[in-house]
């Protein structure tokens, strides 16, 4: 069974957003509360700006895997 709702917190605003429509930066120099994480953003422009400042790769929900987060 697949999860119906997936919520994540936007890194910029702290607001809850749909995990399916968010943009993620993996492999940055920033650690999340649980260590290495996919940093979530509601807007692609914010994710691109973060990746430019902190490194990492921009991906969408379907690209998020544990292997990419650990890398």
Protein backbone atom coordinates (compact mmCIF):
# COMPACT_ATOMS: atom_id res chain seq x y z
CA UNK A 1 0.00 0.00 0.00
CA UNK A 2 1.37 3.41 -0.97
CA UNK A 3 1.04 6.38 1.41
CA UNK A 4 -1.78 8.72 0.42
CA UNK A 5 -0.47 11.94 1.96
CA UNK A 6 3.17 12.90 2.41
CA UNK A 7 4.02 16.15 4.16
CA UNK A 8 7.42 17.80 4.51
CA UNK A 9 8.59 21.12 5.92
CA UNK A 10 9.79 23.80 3.52
CA UNK A 11 13.34 24.77 4.53
CA UNK A 12 12.79 28.47 3.77
CA UNK A 13 9.44 29.14 5.44
CA UNK A 14 9.01 26.28 7.89
CA UNK A 15 5.54 25.66 6.43
CA UNK A 16 4.17 22.19 5.72
CA UNK A 17 4.02 21.39 2.00
CA UNK A 18 3.08 18.37 -0.08
CA UNK A 19 6.04 16.04 -0.31
CA UNK A 20 4.98 15.02 -3.81
CA UNK A 21 5.19 18.54 -5.25
CA UNK A 22 8.27 19.72 -3.35
CA UNK A 23 11.79 20.16 -4.67
CA UNK A 24 14.69 18.59 -2.82
CA UNK A 25 18.41 19.20 -2.52
CA UNK A 26 20.48 16.11 -1.69
CA UNK A 27 24.20 15.98 -0.98
CA UNK A 28 24.52 19.52 0.39
CA UNK A 29 26.88 20.59 3.18
CA UNK A 30 23.87 21.14 5.49
CA UNK A 31 22.71 18.55 7.99
CA UNK A 32 19.08 18.16 8.96
CA UNK A 33 17.78 17.17 12.40
CA UNK A 34 18.28 13.50 11.51
CA UNK A 35 21.69 13.93 9.86
CA UNK A 36 22.00 13.68 6.08
CA UNK A 37 18.63 14.56 4.58
CA UNK A 38 16.87 15.64 1.43
CA UNK A 39 16.29 19.34 2.16
CA UNK A 40 12.75 20.24 1.02
CA UNK A 41 11.58 23.40 -0.72
CA UNK A 42 8.20 24.51 -2.02
CA UNK A 43 9.70 26.60 -4.83
CA UNK A 44 12.28 25.45 -7.36
CA UNK A 45 13.99 28.85 -7.30
CA UNK A 46 14.62 28.53 -3.55
CA UNK A 47 16.03 25.02 -3.99
CA UNK A 48 18.35 26.18 -6.78
CA UNK A 49 19.59 29.12 -4.68
CA UNK A 50 20.24 26.80 -1.72
CA UNK A 51 22.12 24.28 -3.90
CA UNK A 52 24.27 27.06 -5.36
CA UNK A 53 25.23 28.20 -1.86
CA UNK A 54 25.56 24.80 -0.17
CA UNK A 55 26.25 22.31 -2.92
CA UNK A 56 24.12 19.31 -3.68
CA UNK A 57 21.82 18.26 -6.45
CA UNK A 58 18.24 19.37 -7.09
CA UNK A 59 15.73 16.53 -7.53
CA UNK A 60 11.97 16.03 -7.40
CA UNK A 61 9.99 13.63 -5.22
CA UNK A 62 10.30 10.67 -7.59
CA UNK A 63 14.09 11.00 -7.49
CA UNK A 64 14.44 10.87 -3.70
CA UNK A 65 16.07 7.61 -2.61
CA UNK A 66 18.01 6.63 0.49
CA UNK A 67 21.09 6.06 -1.69
CA UNK A 68 21.00 9.66 -2.92
CA UNK A 69 20.54 11.03 0.58
CA UNK A 70 23.45 8.99 1.98
CA UNK A 71 25.83 9.94 -0.87
